[in-house]
């Protein structure tokens, strides 16, 4: 009868405990979220707490306390897709990737009259990069459509051709959705709802162009619905 475990058994037990010590901290580590975009993502004109990435994390943490860390946002007012690419390259990102990645970009390509061909090429490259950030897990990437800024008071005071803007925004969004479908990426339409509410006084900030916290809360609701479907 053996009163003491063999050297082999002790080795296996020691290895188990060493592995457990390495694994356990990762299991309790908060989920991470990377939000990529432009003024809509950085929340031009609203407080930090009212940005939709911040609202989304707050909502997720209400469901399960402290399950998500603060979002990392790489976005700047005025950025086109290629400028977002430069911004990412100049930012520190987590080498281990992220549990969730959202992407809302393209309005400035349309606003500046950039070619659709260039946009499609740049957006597809950016989407592939978003997938890489999500560790290759396509269901952990969510893309939002481009809001129609042509309905805002800012556009009205500039006598903007709203019909022209709407047609161009629709074309950009159709291209985005087609590319998302190609890669099996979730695409959320926020454009149609924005066309209904975007002209209301309470739905814009002081510049009369960018959305207020009320608009971002509606986007957060749509995002939350999709994120809750993801298995983390």
C-alpha atoms as a PDB file:
ATOM      1  CA  UNK A   1       0.000   0.000   0.000  1.00  0.00           C
ATOM      2  CA  UNK A   2       1.337   3.422  -0.967  1.00  0.00           C
ATOM      3  CA  UNK A   3       1.144   5.934   1.882  1.00  0.00           C
ATOM      4  CA  UNK A   4       2.556   8.790  -0.166  1.00  0.00           C
ATOM      5  CA  UNK A   5       1.825   9.853  -3.724  1.00  0.00           C
ATOM      6  CA  UNK A   6       4.410   8.940  -6.335  1.00  0.00           C
ATOM      7  CA  UNK A   7       6.756  11.519  -7.790  1.00  0.00           C
ATOM      8  CA  UNK A   8       4.752  11.357 -11.030  1.00  0.00           C
ATOM      9  CA  UNK A   9       1.496  12.012  -9.169  1.00  0.00           C
ATOM     10  CA  UNK A  10       3.050  14.937  -7.313  1.00  0.00           C
ATOM     11  CA  UNK A  11       4.254  16.344 -10.626  1.00  0.00           C
ATOM     12  CA  UNK A  12       0.772  16.142 -12.135  1.00  0.00           C
ATOM     13  CA  UNK A  13      -0.777  17.771  -9.054  1.00  0.00           C
ATOM     14  CA  UNK A  14       1.805  20.556  -9.083  1.00  0.00           C
ATOM     15  CA  UNK A  15       1.220  21.193 -12.787  1.00  0.00           C
ATOM     16  CA  UNK A  16      -2.545  21.352 -12.182  1.00  0.00           C
ATOM     17  CA  UNK A  17      -2.193  23.961  -9.468  1.00  0.00           C
ATOM     18  CA  UNK A  18       0.235  26.007 -11.551  1.00  0.00           C
ATOM     19  CA  UNK A  19      -2.184  25.981 -14.505  1.00  0.00           C
ATOM     20  CA  UNK A  20      -5.097  26.845 -12.222  1.00  0.00           C
ATOM     21  CA  UNK A  21      -3.234  29.863 -10.861  1.00  0.00           C
ATOM     22  CA  UNK A  22      -2.714  31.143 -14.411  1.00  0.00           C
ATOM     23  CA  UNK A  23      -6.252  30.475 -15.633  1.00  0.00           C
ATOM     24  CA  UNK A  24      -8.323  31.722 -12.713  1.00  0.00           C
ATOM     25  CA  UNK A  25      -7.368  35.425 -12.983  1.00  0.00           C
ATOM     26  CA  UNK A  26      -8.360  35.427 -16.681  1.00  0.00           C
ATOM     27  CA  UNK A  27     -11.738  33.916 -15.845  1.00  0.00           C
ATOM     28  CA  UNK A  28     -12.554  36.787 -13.521  1.00  0.00           C
ATOM     29  CA  UNK A  29     -11.080  39.526 -15.707  1.00  0.00           C
ATOM     30  CA  UNK A  30     -13.675  42.068 -16.939  1.00  0.00           C
ATOM     31  CA  UNK A  31     -14.665  41.907 -20.585  1.00  0.00           C
ATOM     32  CA  UNK A  32     -13.047  44.454 -22.892  1.00  0.00           C
ATOM     33  CA  UNK A  33     -14.624  46.654 -25.550  1.00  0.00           C
ATOM     34  CA  UNK A  34     -13.069  48.649 -28.388  1.00  0.00           C
ATOM     35  CA  UNK A  35     -15.219  51.312 -30.086  1.00  0.00           C
ATOM     36  CA  UNK A  36     -13.974  52.589 -33.441  1.00  0.00           C
ATOM     37  CA  UNK A  37     -15.411  55.564 -35.285  1.00  0.00           C
ATOM     38  CA  UNK A  38     -15.701  59.312 -35.680  1.00  0.00           C
ATOM     39  CA  UNK A  39     -17.654  62.129 -33.985  1.00  0.00           C
ATOM     40  CA  UNK A  40     -20.652  59.882 -33.366  1.00  0.00           C
ATOM     41  CA  UNK A  41     -18.505  57.434 -31.400  1.00  0.00           C
ATOM     42  CA  UNK A  42     -16.504  60.004 -29.447  1.00  0.00           C
ATOM     43  CA  UNK A  43     -19.765  61.823 -28.689  1.00  0.00           C
ATOM     44  CA  UNK A  44     -19.073  65.324 -29.998  1.00  0.00           C
ATOM     45  CA  UNK A  45     -20.871  67.817 -27.766  1.00  0.00           C
ATOM     46  CA  UNK A  46     -21.976  65.432 -25.004  1.00  0.00           C
ATOM     47  CA  UNK A  47     -20.450  64.444 -21.678  1.00  0.00           C
ATOM     48  CA  UNK A  48     -18.263  61.351 -21.560  1.00  0.00           C
ATOM     49  CA  UNK A  49     -20.936  59.390 -19.695  1.00  0.00           C
ATOM     50  CA  UNK A  50     -23.381  60.034 -22.540  1.00  0.00           C
ATOM     51  CA  UNK A  51     -21.262  58.540 -25.320  1.00  0.00           C
ATOM     52  CA  UNK A  52     -22.925  55.388 -26.603  1.00  0.00           C
ATOM     53  CA  UNK A  53     -19.920  53.119 -25.857  1.00  0.00           C
ATOM     54  CA  UNK A  54     -19.930  54.353 -22.261  1.00  0.00           C
ATOM     55  CA  UNK A  55     -23.714  54.006 -22.006  1.00  0.00           C
ATOM     56  CA  UNK A  56     -23.453  50.452 -23.368  1.00  0.00           C
ATOM     57  CA  UNK A  57     -20.877  49.390 -20.765  1.00  0.00           C
ATOM     58  CA  UNK A  58     -22.975  50.976 -18.008  1.00  0.00           C
ATOM     59  CA  UNK A  59     -26.016  49.020 -19.198  1.00  0.00           C
ATOM     60  CA  UNK A  60     -24.045  45.766 -19.356  1.00  0.00           C
ATOM     61  CA  UNK A  61     -22.671  46.318 -15.869  1.00  0.00           C
ATOM     62  CA  UNK A  62     -26.174  46.897 -14.537  1.00  0.00           C
ATOM     63  CA  UNK A  63     -27.057  43.427 -15.785  1.00  0.00           C
ATOM     64  CA  UNK A  64     -23.926  41.872 -14.309  1.00  0.00           C
ATOM     65  CA  UNK A  65     -22.002  44.158 -11.957  1.00  0.00           C
ATOM     66  CA  UNK A  66     -18.389  44.927 -12.900  1.00  0.00           C
ATOM     67  CA  UNK A  67     -18.422  42.450 -15.787  1.00  0.00           C
ATOM     68  CA  UNK A  68     -17.065  45.026 -18.261  1.00  0.00           C
ATOM     69  CA  UNK A  69     -14.128  47.413 -18.076  1.00  0.00           C
ATOM     70  CA  UNK A  70     -14.388  50.959 -19.419  1.00  0.00           C
ATOM     71  CA  UNK A  71     -14.487  51.030 -23.216  1.00  0.00           C
ATOM     72  CA  UNK A  72     -11.443  52.026 -25.218  1.00  0.00           C
ATOM     73  CA  UNK A  73     -12.558  54.551 -27.795  1.00  0.00           C
ATOM     74  CA  UNK A  74     -10.512  55.333 -30.878  1.00  0.00           C
ATOM     75  CA  UNK A  75     -12.482  58.032 -32.660  1.00  0.00           C
ATOM     76  CA  UNK A  76     -12.235  61.688 -33.574  1.00  0.00           C
ATOM     77  CA  UNK A  77     -14.597  64.254 -35.023  1.00  0.00           C
ATOM     78  CA  UNK A  78     -14.152  64.519 -38.784  1.00  0.00           C
ATOM     79  CA  UNK A  79     -12.376  61.220 -39.337  1.00  0.00           C
ATOM     80  CA  UNK A  80     -12.841  59.340 -42.595  1.00  0.00           C
ATOM     81  CA  UNK A  81     -12.125  55.600 -42.771  1.00  0.00           C
ATOM     82  CA  UNK A  82      -8.489  56.075 -43.786  1.00  0.00           C
ATOM     83  CA  UNK A  83      -7.993  58.638 -41.014  1.00  0.00           C
ATOM     84  CA  UNK A  84      -9.408  56.156 -38.511  1.00  0.00           C
ATOM     85  CA  UNK A  85      -6.784  53.695 -39.776  1.00  0.00           C
ATOM     86  CA  UNK A  86      -4.044  56.234 -39.019  1.00  0.00           C
ATOM     87  CA  UNK A  87      -5.597  56.937 -35.625  1.00  0.00           C
ATOM     88  CA  UNK A  88      -5.554  53.256 -34.724  1.00  0.00           C
ATOM     89  CA  UNK A  89      -1.927  52.952 -35.764  1.00  0.00           C
ATOM     90  CA  UNK A  90      -1.049  55.851 -33.475  1.00  0.00           C
ATOM     91  CA  UNK A  91      -2.958  54.390 -30.500  1.00  0.00           C
ATOM     92  CA  UNK A  92      -2.024  51.776 -27.935  1.00  0.00           C
ATOM     93  CA  UNK A  93      -4.281  48.756 -28.339  1.00  0.00           C
ATOM     94  CA  UNK A  94      -4.495  45.543 -26.344  1.00  0.00           C
ATOM     95  CA  UNK A  95      -2.304  42.878 -27.937  1.00  0.00           C
ATOM     96  CA  UNK A  96      -4.628  40.225 -26.513  1.00  0.00           C
ATOM     97  CA  UNK A  97      -7.580  41.635 -28.443  1.00  0.00           C
ATOM     98  CA  UNK A  98     -11.051  42.579 -27.261  1.00  0.00           C
ATOM     99  CA  UNK A  99     -14.258  40.789 -26.338  1.00  0.00           C
ATOM    100  CA  UNK A 100     -16.385  43.277 -28.291  1.00  0.00           C
ATOM    101  CA  UNK A 101     -15.623  45.659 -31.150  1.00  0.00           C
ATOM    102  CA  UNK A 102     -18.045  48.182 -32.642  1.00  0.00           C
ATOM    103  CA  UNK A 103     -17.530  50.233 -35.790  1.00  0.00           C
ATOM    104  CA  UNK A 104     -19.390  53.347 -36.901  1.00  0.00           C
ATOM    105  CA  UNK A 105     -17.618  55.202 -39.703  1.00  0.00           C
ATOM    106  CA  UNK A 106     -18.280  56.710 -43.127  1.00  0.00           C
ATOM    107  CA  UNK A 107     -20.240  59.931 -42.707  1.00  0.00           C
ATOM    108  CA  UNK A 108     -17.182  62.101 -43.363  1.00  0.00           C
ATOM    109  CA  UNK A 109     -16.385  60.148 -46.514  1.00  0.00           C
ATOM    110  CA  UNK A 110     -19.855  61.073 -47.739  1.00  0.00           C
ATOM    111  CA  UNK A 111     -19.643  64.667 -46.464  1.00  0.00           C
ATOM    112  CA  UNK A 112     -16.364  65.277 -48.283  1.00  0.00           C
ATOM    113  CA  UNK A 113     -17.599  63.696 -51.486  1.00  0.00           C
ATOM    114  CA  UNK A 114     -15.136  60.811 -51.448  1.00  0.00           C
ATOM    115  CA  UNK A 115     -15.576  58.117 -54.095  1.00  0.00           C
ATOM    116  CA  UNK A 116     -17.698  55.096 -53.278  1.00  0.00           C
ATOM    117  CA  UNK A 117     -15.026  52.771 -54.671  1.00  0.00           C
ATOM    118  CA  UNK A 118     -12.423  54.117 -52.239  1.00  0.00           C
ATOM    119  CA  UNK A 119     -14.881  53.906 -49.367  1.00  0.00           C
ATOM    120  CA  UNK A 120     -15.761  50.287 -50.079  1.00  0.00           C
ATOM    121  CA  UNK A 121     -12.081  49.319 -50.259  1.00  0.00           C
ATOM    122  CA  UNK A 122     -11.171  51.202 -47.073  1.00  0.00           C
ATOM    123  CA  UNK A 123     -14.234  50.046 -45.151  1.00  0.00           C
ATOM    124  CA  UNK A 124     -13.643  46.388 -45.984  1.00  0.00           C
ATOM    125  CA  UNK A 125     -10.036  46.691 -44.807  1.00  0.00           C
ATOM    126  CA  UNK A 126     -11.219  48.388 -41.613  1.00  0.00           C
ATOM    127  CA  UNK A 127     -13.821  45.689 -41.011  1.00  0.00           C
ATOM    128  CA  UNK A 128     -11.163  43.008 -41.352  1.00  0.00           C
ATOM    129  CA  UNK A 129      -9.093  44.895 -38.818  1.00  0.00           C
ATOM    130  CA  UNK A 130     -12.057  45.045 -36.442  1.00  0.00           C
ATOM    131  CA  UNK A 131     -12.410  41.266 -36.775  1.00  0.00           C
ATOM    132  CA  UNK A 132      -8.733  40.879 -35.926  1.00  0.00           C
ATOM    133  CA  UNK A 133      -9.216  43.047 -32.829  1.00  0.00           C
ATOM    134  CA  UNK A 134     -12.058  40.685 -31.836  1.00  0.00           C
ATOM    135  CA  UNK A 135      -9.610  37.749 -32.021  1.00  0.00           C
ATOM    136  CA  UNK A 136     -11.201  36.553 -35.232  1.00  0.00           C
ATOM    137  CA  UNK A 137     -14.616  36.097 -33.609  1.00  0.00           C
ATOM    138  CA  UNK A 138     -16.930  37.653 -36.167  1.00  0.00           C
ATOM    139  CA  UNK A 139     -19.967  37.475 -33.924  1.00  0.00           C
ATOM    140  CA  UNK A 140     -18.156  39.781 -31.482  1.00  0.00           C
ATOM    141  CA  UNK A 141     -18.081  42.616 -34.032  1.00  0.00           C
ATOM    142  CA  UNK A 142     -21.028  44.972 -34.540  1.00  0.00           C
ATOM    143  CA  UNK A 143     -21.296  47.656 -37.228  1.00  0.00           C
ATOM    144  CA  UNK A 144     -23.702  50.588 -37.066  1.00  0.00           C
ATOM    145  CA  UNK A 145     -25.132  52.373 -40.114  1.00  0.00           C
ATOM    146  CA  UNK A 146     -24.373  56.011 -40.913  1.00  0.00           C
ATOM    147  CA  UNK A 147     -26.920  58.517 -39.549  1.00  0.00           C
ATOM    148  CA  UNK A 148     -28.448  60.970 -42.043  1.00  0.00           C
ATOM    149  CA  UNK A 149     -27.113  64.366 -40.990  1.00  0.00           C
ATOM    150  CA  UNK A 150     -29.240  65.983 -43.701  1.00  0.00           C
ATOM    151  CA  UNK A 151     -32.254  66.049 -41.378  1.00  0.00           C
ATOM    152  CA  UNK A 152     -30.548  68.133 -38.680  1.00  0.00           C
ATOM    153  CA  UNK A 153     -31.157  71.839 -37.989  1.00  0.00           C
ATOM    154  CA  UNK A 154     -27.530  72.423 -39.044  1.00  0.00           C
ATOM    155  CA  UNK A 155     -28.315  71.098 -42.523  1.00  0.00           C
ATOM    156  CA  UNK A 156     -31.486  73.163 -42.758  1.00  0.00           C
ATOM    157  CA  UNK A 157     -29.705  76.453 -41.957  1.00  0.00           C
ATOM    158  CA  UNK A 158     -27.132  75.664 -44.654  1.00  0.00           C
ATOM    159  CA  UNK A 159     -29.875  74.993 -47.229  1.00  0.00           C
ATOM    160  CA  UNK A 160     -28.460  71.522 -47.700  1.00  0.00           C
ATOM    161  CA  UNK A 161     -30.000  69.375 -50.421  1.00  0.00           C
ATOM    162  CA  UNK A 162     -31.522  66.825 -48.033  1.00  0.00           C
ATOM    163  CA  UNK A 163     -32.655  64.511 -50.810  1.00  0.00           C
ATOM    164  CA  UNK A 164     -29.125  64.326 -52.225  1.00  0.00           C
ATOM    165  CA  UNK A 165     -27.611  63.626 -48.812  1.00  0.00           C
ATOM    166  CA  UNK A 166     -30.219  60.953 -48.133  1.00  0.00           C
ATOM    167  CA  UNK A 167     -29.484  59.185 -51.420  1.00  0.00           C
ATOM    168  CA  UNK A 168     -25.741  59.240 -50.755  1.00  0.00           C
ATOM    169  CA  UNK A 169     -26.136  58.066 -47.159  1.00  0.00           C
ATOM    170  CA  UNK A 170     -28.323  55.201 -48.376  1.00  0.00           C
ATOM    171  CA  UNK A 171     -25.679  54.235 -50.937  1.00  0.00           C
ATOM    172  CA  UNK A 172     -22.946  54.225 -48.320  1.00  0.00           C
ATOM    173  CA  UNK A 173     -25.054  52.183 -45.937  1.00  0.00           C
ATOM    174  CA  UNK A 174     -25.952  49.692 -48.645  1.00  0.00           C
ATOM    175  CA  UNK A 175     -22.244  49.238 -49.348  1.00  0.00           C
ATOM    176  CA  UNK A 176     -21.498  48.801 -45.640  1.00  0.00           C
ATOM    177  CA  UNK A 177     -24.246  46.239 -45.194  1.00  0.00           C
ATOM    178  CA  UNK A 178     -23.151  44.261 -48.259  1.00  0.00           C
ATOM    179  CA  UNK A 179     -19.606  44.067 -46.922  1.00  0.00           C
ATOM    180  CA  UNK A 180     -20.878  43.107 -43.457  1.00  0.00           C
ATOM    181  CA  UNK A 181     -23.026  40.366 -45.004  1.00  0.00           C
ATOM    182  CA  UNK A 182     -19.971  39.098 -46.889  1.00  0.00           C
ATOM    183  CA  UNK A 183     -18.121  38.662 -43.582  1.00  0.00           C
ATOM    184  CA  UNK A 184     -21.204  37.604 -41.572  1.00  0.00           C
ATOM    185  CA  UNK A 185     -21.005  40.660 -39.326  1.00  0.00           C
ATOM    186  CA  UNK A 186     -23.978  42.064 -37.422  1.00  0.00           C
ATOM    187  CA  UNK A 187     -25.177  45.327 -38.983  1.00  0.00           C
ATOM    188  CA  UNK A 188     -27.488  47.629 -37.028  1.00  0.00           C
ATOM    189  CA  UNK A 189     -29.629  50.197 -38.833  1.00  0.00           C
ATOM    190  CA  UNK A 190     -29.814  53.433 -36.833  1.00  0.00           C
ATOM    191  CA  UNK A 191     -30.447  55.614 -39.888  1.00  0.00           C
ATOM    192  CA  UNK A 192     -34.201  55.303 -40.324  1.00  0.00           C
ATOM    193  CA  UNK A 193     -34.952  56.090 -36.686  1.00  0.00           C
ATOM    194  CA  UNK A 194     -32.571  59.041 -36.820  1.00  0.00           C
ATOM    195  CA  UNK A 195     -34.412  60.433 -39.833  1.00  0.00           C
ATOM    196  CA  UNK A 196     -37.545  60.555 -37.694  1.00  0.00           C
ATOM    197  CA  UNK A 197     -36.010  62.174 -34.608  1.00  0.00           C
ATOM    198  CA  UNK A 198     -32.846  63.938 -35.817  1.00  0.00           C
ATOM    199  CA  UNK A 199     -34.510  67.294 -36.493  1.00  0.00           C
ATOM    200  CA  UNK A 200     -35.994  67.642 -32.999  1.00  0.00           C
ATOM    201  CA  UNK A 201     -34.452  70.265 -30.736  1.00  0.00           C
ATOM    202  CA  UNK A 202     -33.817  67.851 -27.897  1.00  0.00           C
ATOM    203  CA  UNK A 203     -32.075  65.378 -30.193  1.00  0.00           C
ATOM    204  CA  UNK A 204     -29.121  67.606 -31.115  1.00  0.00           C
ATOM    205  CA  UNK A 205     -26.378  69.303 -29.122  1.00  0.00           C
ATOM    206  CA  UNK A 206     -25.391  72.959 -29.258  1.00  0.00           C
ATOM    207  CA  UNK A 207     -23.881  72.768 -32.742  1.00  0.00           C
ATOM    208  CA  UNK A 208     -27.305  71.660 -34.067  1.00  0.00           C
ATOM    209  CA  UNK A 209     -25.589  68.825 -35.944  1.00  0.00           C
ATOM    210  CA  UNK A 210     -24.407  66.118 -33.581  1.00  0.00           C
ATOM    211  CA  UNK A 211     -26.745  63.851 -31.606  1.00  0.00           C
ATOM    212  CA  UNK A 212     -27.679  64.444 -27.998  1.00  0.00           C
ATOM    213  CA  UNK A 213     -27.492  61.878 -25.202  1.00  0.00           C
ATOM    214  CA  UNK A 214     -31.102  60.961 -25.948  1.00  0.00           C
ATOM    215  CA  UNK A 215     -30.136  59.749 -29.414  1.00  0.00           C
ATOM    216  CA  UNK A 216     -27.151  57.827 -28.106  1.00  0.00           C
ATOM    217  CA  UNK A 217     -29.380  56.088 -25.578  1.00  0.00           C
ATOM    218  CA  UNK A 218     -31.501  54.771 -28.458  1.00  0.00           C
ATOM    219  CA  UNK A 219     -28.406  53.447 -30.189  1.00  0.00           C
ATOM    220  CA  UNK A 220     -27.335  51.888 -26.907  1.00  0.00           C
ATOM    221  CA  UNK A 221     -30.622  50.002 -26.674  1.00  0.00           C
ATOM    222  CA  UNK A 222     -30.112  48.546 -30.151  1.00  0.00           C
ATOM    223  CA  UNK A 223     -26.529  47.599 -29.358  1.00  0.00           C
ATOM    224  CA  UNK A 224     -27.466  46.050 -26.033  1.00  0.00           C
ATOM    225  CA  UNK A 225     -30.019  43.810 -27.733  1.00  0.00           C
ATOM    226  CA  UNK A 226     -27.360  42.483 -30.112  1.00  0.00           C
ATOM    227  CA  UNK A 227     -24.559  42.217 -27.553  1.00  0.00           C
ATOM    228  CA  UNK A 228     -26.738  40.143 -25.248  1.00  0.00           C
ATOM    229  CA  UNK A 229     -26.946  37.523 -28.004  1.00  0.00           C
ATOM    230  CA  UNK A 230     -23.159  37.064 -27.990  1.00  0.00           C
ATOM    231  CA  UNK A 231     -21.673  34.186 -26.006  1.00  0.00           C
ATOM    232  CA  UNK A 232     -18.703  35.547 -24.073  1.00  0.00           C
END
